[in-house]
Amino acid sequence: MRTPKVRRLRWRWRSTWQWEILLVVYAVYDGSRLLVHGKQDVAEQHGRDILSVERHLDLSPEHWLNHAFYNNAWLGIPADYMYATLHYILTVAVLFWLWKFHREHYRQARTWLGLTTMLGLVGFIVFPTAPPRMLGGAYDFVDTLAEHASIGWWGGGGGTPKGFGDVTNEFAAMPSLHVGWALWCGLLLFRYSGSRVVRMLGLAYPAVITMVVMGTANHYLLDAVAGVGVTLLGLWATGPLLRLTGRLRRRGGGAGKVAAAHLPSQRTPQDSLAENLEAGVRRG
């Protein structure tokens, strides 16, 4: 039986390495800004290439969505606030909700979110991409956040707080983590919420955010597709990573084995998500 002192030490160790992971993620993000510094021409060319591919496939809804948001303030202003706010607030709220009410699924969800974010950061470094709003007048995109900056808390555009524009990566369009995190939130709400309304809103949330990121001229359609891709890849990789860390813990000695014996069986998200979603659809 563990003494209170041992429990406090274990809690302190877990809290420390979790904060260290957050610091690593931030360091990688900040590093991605430094690594793409001076590559504006490359990032803008990547943006033009993406538009060219979309037009070749006859899939380029960015312009008409952007113009619809710009010409209709009742669409554009709420979309600006959604882009600049929900990405942070709702993601943290869902993570806290899981920790508070679905603790047995929190570790898997947290790992899934972390992997998705890391994959997105790799994309920012490998393929720096300027968002549509930065392509210049020839492409006829309007930065709606800049247009409505006087009534928002953000700065000149991009959804960053006033005064923080210099510490953000302006060329982080591909993939869209706005869409990726929205999909993460939506699937978890659909799976674990007991409210039918919340579950349906969870399914709608990624689709709404996809339209928002294009309508505000912050992402291309293919950015959104890539955001879905890194989220699903993060889901797939969560199980192997948790199993690997579980094996490493068990090798840590007898104490680790005793602790593992008292843990609930770990069903990873990709082991059960499909069947749970199917059950949720039937329940809906």
Protein backbone atom coordinates (compact mmCIF):
# COMPACT_ATOMS: atom_id res chain seq x y z
CA MET A 1 0.00 0.00 0.00
CA ARG A 2 1.40 3.36 -1.02
CA THR A 3 1.98 5.98 1.62
CA PRO A 4 0.63 9.53 1.08
CA LYS A 5 4.19 10.68 0.45
CA VAL A 6 4.66 8.10 -2.33
CA ARG A 7 1.33 9.08 -3.90
CA ARG A 8 2.35 12.75 -3.83
CA LEU A 9 5.69 11.94 -5.47
CA ARG A 10 3.97 9.91 -8.21
CA TRP A 11 1.47 12.69 -8.83
CA ARG A 12 4.26 15.27 -8.94
CA TRP A 13 6.25 13.16 -11.43
CA ARG A 14 3.24 12.69 -13.72
CA SER A 15 2.37 16.40 -13.55
CA THR A 16 5.98 17.32 -14.33
CA TRP A 17 6.31 15.21 -17.45
CA GLN A 18 2.90 16.31 -18.72
CA TRP A 19 3.96 19.94 -18.43
CA GLU A 20 7.23 19.06 -20.11
CA ILE A 21 5.30 17.63 -23.07
CA LEU A 22 3.38 20.91 -23.36
CA LEU A 23 6.64 22.84 -23.29
CA VAL A 24 8.09 20.60 -26.00
CA VAL A 25 5.03 21.16 -28.19
CA TYR A 26 5.34 24.92 -27.72
CA ALA A 27 9.07 24.77 -28.42
CA VAL A 28 8.45 22.90 -31.67
CA TYR A 29 5.80 25.42 -32.67
CA ASP A 30 8.08 28.34 -31.88
CA GLY A 31 10.88 26.55 -33.69
CA SER A 32 8.66 26.10 -36.73
CA ARG A 33 8.27 29.89 -36.85
CA LEU A 34 12.05 30.31 -36.79
CA LEU A 35 12.66 27.57 -39.36
CA VAL A 36 10.32 29.16 -41.91
CA HIS A 37 11.60 32.68 -41.25
CA GLY A 38 12.57 34.30 -44.54
CA LYS A 39 10.66 31.73 -46.61
CA GLN A 40 7.73 33.92 -47.51
CA ASP A 41 8.28 33.42 -51.24
CA VAL A 42 8.32 29.65 -50.76
CA ALA A 43 5.22 29.74 -48.54
CA GLU A 44 3.30 31.90 -51.00
CA GLN A 45 4.28 29.62 -53.88
CA HIS A 46 2.99 26.64 -51.92
CA GLY A 47 -0.29 28.49 -51.44
CA ARG A 48 -0.55 29.17 -55.17
CA ASP A 49 0.28 25.52 -55.89
CA ILE A 50 -2.52 24.35 -53.62
CA LEU A 51 -5.01 26.64 -55.36
CA SER A 52 -3.80 25.38 -58.73
CA VAL A 53 -4.35 21.76 -57.69
CA GLU A 54 -7.81 22.53 -56.35
CA ARG A 55 -8.83 24.33 -59.53
CA HIS A 56 -7.52 21.43 -61.60
CA LEU A 57 -9.78 19.16 -59.55
CA ASP A 58 -12.62 21.69 -59.85
CA LEU A 59 -12.68 21.98 -56.04
CA SER A 60 -11.99 25.53 -54.88
CA PRO A 61 -14.78 26.91 -52.66
CA GLU A 62 -12.50 29.40 -50.87
CA HIS A 63 -13.36 32.42 -53.04
CA TRP A 64 -17.13 32.29 -52.89
CA LEU A 65 -17.10 31.47 -49.16
CA ASN A 66 -14.68 34.32 -48.48
CA HIS A 67 -16.74 36.79 -50.50
CA ALA A 68 -19.96 35.60 -48.84
CA PHE A 69 -18.44 36.20 -45.40
CA TYR A 70 -17.03 39.57 -46.41
CA ASN A 71 -20.22 40.85 -48.06
CA ASN A 72 -22.49 39.66 -45.24
CA ALA A 73 -21.38 40.89 -41.84
CA TRP A 74 -23.95 38.65 -40.12
CA LEU A 75 -21.88 35.74 -41.44
CA GLY A 76 -18.40 37.23 -41.34
CA ILE A 77 -18.32 38.64 -37.81
CA PRO A 78 -19.53 35.46 -36.04
CA ALA A 79 -17.12 33.46 -38.20
CA ASP A 80 -14.23 35.70 -37.15
CA TYR A 81 -15.05 35.17 -33.48
CA MET A 82 -15.41 31.43 -34.03
CA TYR A 83 -12.03 31.25 -35.75
CA ALA A 84 -10.27 33.32 -33.10
CA THR A 85 -11.91 31.70 -30.06
CA LEU A 86 -13.35 28.19 -30.35
CA HIS A 87 -10.08 26.61 -31.47
CA TYR A 88 -8.68 27.29 -28.00
CA ILE A 89 -11.68 27.43 -25.67
CA LEU A 90 -13.65 24.41 -26.86
CA THR A 91 -10.60 22.17 -27.20
CA VAL A 92 -9.55 22.88 -23.61
CA ALA A 93 -13.16 22.55 -22.44
CA VAL A 94 -13.54 19.09 -24.03
CA LEU A 95 -10.22 17.98 -22.54
CA PHE A 96 -11.31 19.16 -19.07
CA TRP A 97 -14.74 17.54 -19.50
CA LEU A 98 -13.09 14.21 -20.27
CA TRP A 99 -10.76 14.55 -17.28
CA LYS A 100 -13.66 15.43 -14.99
CA PHE A 101 -16.40 13.06 -16.16
CA HIS A 102 -14.74 10.40 -18.33
CA ARG A 103 -11.41 9.93 -16.60
CA GLU A 104 -10.94 6.42 -18.04
CA HIS A 105 -10.76 7.92 -21.56
CA TYR A 106 -8.75 11.04 -20.72
CA ARG A 107 -5.28 9.56 -21.26
CA GLN A 108 -6.15 8.22 -24.70
CA ALA A 109 -7.78 11.48 -25.76
CA ARG A 110 -4.88 13.58 -24.47
CA THR A 111 -2.36 11.40 -26.28
CA TRP A 112 -4.41 11.54 -29.47
CA LEU A 113 -4.56 15.34 -29.32
CA GLY A 114 -0.81 15.58 -28.65
CA LEU A 115 0.08 13.33 -31.58
CA THR A 116 -2.25 15.23 -33.90
CA THR A 117 -0.65 18.51 -32.89
CA MET A 118 2.89 17.20 -33.35
CA LEU A 119 2.03 15.87 -36.82
CA GLY A 120 0.60 19.26 -37.70
CA LEU A 121 3.76 21.02 -36.52
CA VAL A 122 5.84 18.73 -38.73
CA GLY A 123 3.67 19.81 -41.65
CA PHE A 124 4.26 23.48 -40.84
CA ILE A 125 8.03 22.93 -40.99
CA VAL A 126 8.18 20.64 -44.01
CA PHE A 127 5.62 22.48 -46.12
CA PRO A 128 5.34 26.14 -45.04
CA THR A 129 2.24 27.56 -46.64
CA ALA A 130 0.89 31.10 -46.74
CA PRO A 131 -2.88 31.30 -46.11
CA PRO A 132 -5.13 32.72 -48.85
CA ARG A 133 -5.32 36.10 -47.12
CA MET A 134 -1.56 36.57 -47.70
CA LEU A 135 -1.50 35.89 -51.44
CA GLY A 136 -2.05 39.48 -52.49
CA GLY A 137 -4.71 41.37 -54.38
CA ALA A 138 -4.29 39.36 -57.58
CA TYR A 139 -6.02 36.42 -55.91
CA ASP A 140 -8.90 38.54 -54.60
CA PHE A 141 -9.03 37.18 -51.04
CA VAL A 142 -10.14 39.40 -48.16
CA ASP A 143 -8.76 39.04 -44.63
CA THR A 144 -12.07 39.25 -42.77
CA LEU A 145 -10.41 39.30 -39.35
CA ALA A 146 -8.40 42.34 -40.38
CA GLU A 147 -11.59 43.97 -41.69
CA HIS A 148 -13.31 43.47 -38.33
CA ALA A 149 -10.27 43.98 -36.08
CA SER A 150 -11.81 47.10 -34.54
CA ILE A 151 -14.58 45.03 -32.92
CA GLY A 152 -12.45 42.00 -32.02
CA TRP A 153 -9.73 41.20 -29.53
CA TRP A 154 -7.35 40.00 -32.24
CA GLY A 155 -4.80 42.11 -34.05
CA GLY A 156 -4.51 42.86 -37.75
CA GLY A 157 -5.57 39.37 -38.80
CA GLY A 158 -4.97 35.68 -38.38
CA GLY A 159 -6.84 35.43 -35.09
CA THR A 160 -3.84 36.18 -32.85
CA PRO A 161 -4.15 38.52 -29.84
CA LYS A 162 -3.07 42.11 -30.35
CA GLY A 163 0.66 42.43 -29.91
CA PHE A 164 1.38 38.72 -30.49
CA GLY A 165 1.67 38.76 -34.26
CA ASP A 166 5.47 38.52 -34.14
CA VAL A 167 5.45 35.26 -32.14
CA THR A 168 3.12 33.31 -34.43
CA ASN A 169 3.92 31.26 -37.50
CA GLU A 170 2.15 33.03 -40.35
CA PHE A 171 2.91 30.16 -42.73
CA ALA A 172 1.14 27.43 -40.75
CA ALA A 173 -1.76 26.84 -43.12
CA MET A 174 -1.00 23.23 -44.10
CA PRO A 175 -2.44 21.22 -42.41
CA SER A 176 -5.29 23.04 -40.68
CA LEU A 177 -5.14 22.25 -36.97
CA HIS A 178 -8.31 24.30 -36.57
CA VAL A 179 -10.07 21.56 -38.53
CA GLY A 180 -8.02 18.78 -36.93
CA TRP A 181 -8.77 19.86 -33.37
CA ALA A 182 -12.44 20.43 -34.29
CA LEU A 183 -12.67 16.85 -35.56
CA TRP A 184 -11.05 15.62 -32.33
CA CYS A 185 -13.59 17.56 -30.27
CA GLY A 186 -16.52 16.50 -32.41
CA LEU A 187 -15.80 12.78 -32.35
CA LEU A 188 -15.24 12.74 -28.59
CA LEU A 189 -18.44 14.69 -27.92
CA PHE A 190 -20.36 12.36 -30.20
CA ARG A 191 -18.93 9.29 -28.53
CA TYR A 192 -19.16 10.21 -24.85
CA SER A 193 -21.91 12.80 -24.44
CA GLY A 194 -25.22 11.55 -23.10
CA SER A 195 -27.11 14.38 -24.79
CA ARG A 196 -28.40 13.79 -28.29
CA VAL A 197 -28.22 17.54 -29.02
CA VAL A 198 -24.57 17.74 -27.94
CA ARG A 199 -23.71 14.66 -29.98
CA MET A 200 -25.27 16.14 -33.11
CA LEU A 201 -23.52 19.47 -32.49
CA GLY A 202 -20.28 17.51 -32.11
CA LEU A 203 -20.72 16.03 -35.57
CA ALA A 204 -21.59 19.44 -37.06
CA TYR A 205 -18.69 21.29 -35.41
CA PRO A 206 -15.85 20.11 -37.75
CA ALA A 207 -17.94 20.91 -40.83
CA VAL A 208 -18.74 24.40 -39.54
CA ILE A 209 -15.10 25.10 -38.69
CA THR A 210 -14.06 23.91 -42.16
CA MET A 211 -16.32 26.56 -43.71
CA VAL A 212 -15.11 29.17 -41.20
CA VAL A 213 -11.40 28.68 -41.91
CA MET A 214 -12.00 29.01 -45.65
CA GLY A 215 -14.49 31.86 -45.38
CA THR A 216 -12.06 33.92 -43.28
CA ALA A 217 -9.31 33.28 -45.89
CA ASN A 218 -7.09 31.48 -43.40
CA HIS A 219 -7.02 28.03 -45.02
CA TYR A 220 -7.54 26.22 -48.29
CA LEU A 221 -9.81 23.23 -48.79
CA LEU A 222 -6.79 20.93 -49.02
CA ASP A 223 -5.54 22.32 -45.69
CA ALA A 224 -8.81 21.12 -44.15
CA VAL A 225 -8.44 17.71 -45.80
CA ALA A 226 -4.88 17.46 -44.43
CA GLY A 227 -6.17 18.48 -40.98
CA VAL A 228 -8.57 15.54 -41.06
CA GLY A 229 -5.68 13.33 -42.23
CA VAL A 230 -3.31 14.19 -39.37
CA THR A 231 -6.13 13.73 -36.85
CA LEU A 232 -6.96 10.25 -38.13
CA LEU A 233 -3.25 9.41 -38.29
CA GLY A 234 -2.88 10.60 -34.70
CA LEU A 235 -5.81 8.37 -33.72
CA TRP A 236 -4.19 5.39 -35.43
CA ALA A 237 -0.84 6.00 -33.70
CA THR A 238 -2.31 6.50 -30.23
CA GLY A 239 -2.82 2.80 -29.53
CA PRO A 240 0.73 1.67 -30.39
CA LEU A 241 2.20 4.58 -28.41
CA LEU A 242 0.14 3.76 -25.30
CA ARG A 243 1.03 0.09 -25.56
CA LEU A 244 4.71 1.00 -25.89
CA THR A 245 4.63 3.26 -22.84
CA GLY A 246 2.74 0.55 -20.95
CA ARG A 247 5.47 -1.98 -21.69
CA LEU A 248 8.15 0.48 -20.62
CA ARG A 249 6.35 1.08 -17.35
CA ARG A 250 6.03 -2.63 -16.65
CA ARG A 251 9.76 -3.02 -17.18
CA GLY A 252 10.35 -0.43 -14.49
CA GLY A 253 10.15 -3.01 -11.71
CA GLY A 254 7.74 -4.60 -9.31
CA ALA A 255 6.16 -1.32 -8.22
CA GLY A 256 5.32 -0.53 -11.80
CA LYS A 257 3.74 -3.96 -12.27
CA VAL A 258 1.63 -3.57 -9.14
CA ALA A 259 0.43 -0.15 -10.34
CA ALA A 260 -0.36 -1.52 -13.79
CA ALA A 261 -2.39 -4.34 -12.25
CA HIS A 262 -4.72 -1.80 -10.64
CA LEU A 263 -5.23 0.21 -13.82
CA PRO A 264 -8.40 -0.38 -15.84
CA SER A 265 -7.90 -2.25 -19.08
CA GLN A 266 -6.86 0.13 -21.83
CA ARG A 267 -9.01 0.10 -24.90
CA THR A 268 -7.40 2.52 -27.26
CA PRO A 269 -9.49 4.91 -29.35
CA GLN A 270 -8.87 3.16 -32.65
CA ASP A 271 -9.79 -0.20 -31.07
CA SER A 272 -13.28 0.95 -30.20
CA LEU A 273 -14.09 4.23 -31.94
CA ALA A 274 -15.69 2.74 -35.06
CA GLU A 275 -17.99 0.40 -33.14
CA ASN A 276 -18.83 3.14 -30.64
CA LEU A 277 -19.71 5.62 -33.38
CA GLU A 278 -21.88 3.00 -35.03
CA ALA A 279 -23.63 2.35 -31.71
CA GLY A 280 -24.05 6.08 -31.24
CA VAL A 281 -25.70 6.43 -34.64
CA ARG A 282 -28.17 3.68 -33.75
CA ARG A 283 -28.80 5.31 -30.37
CA GLY A 284 -29.42 8.65 -32.11
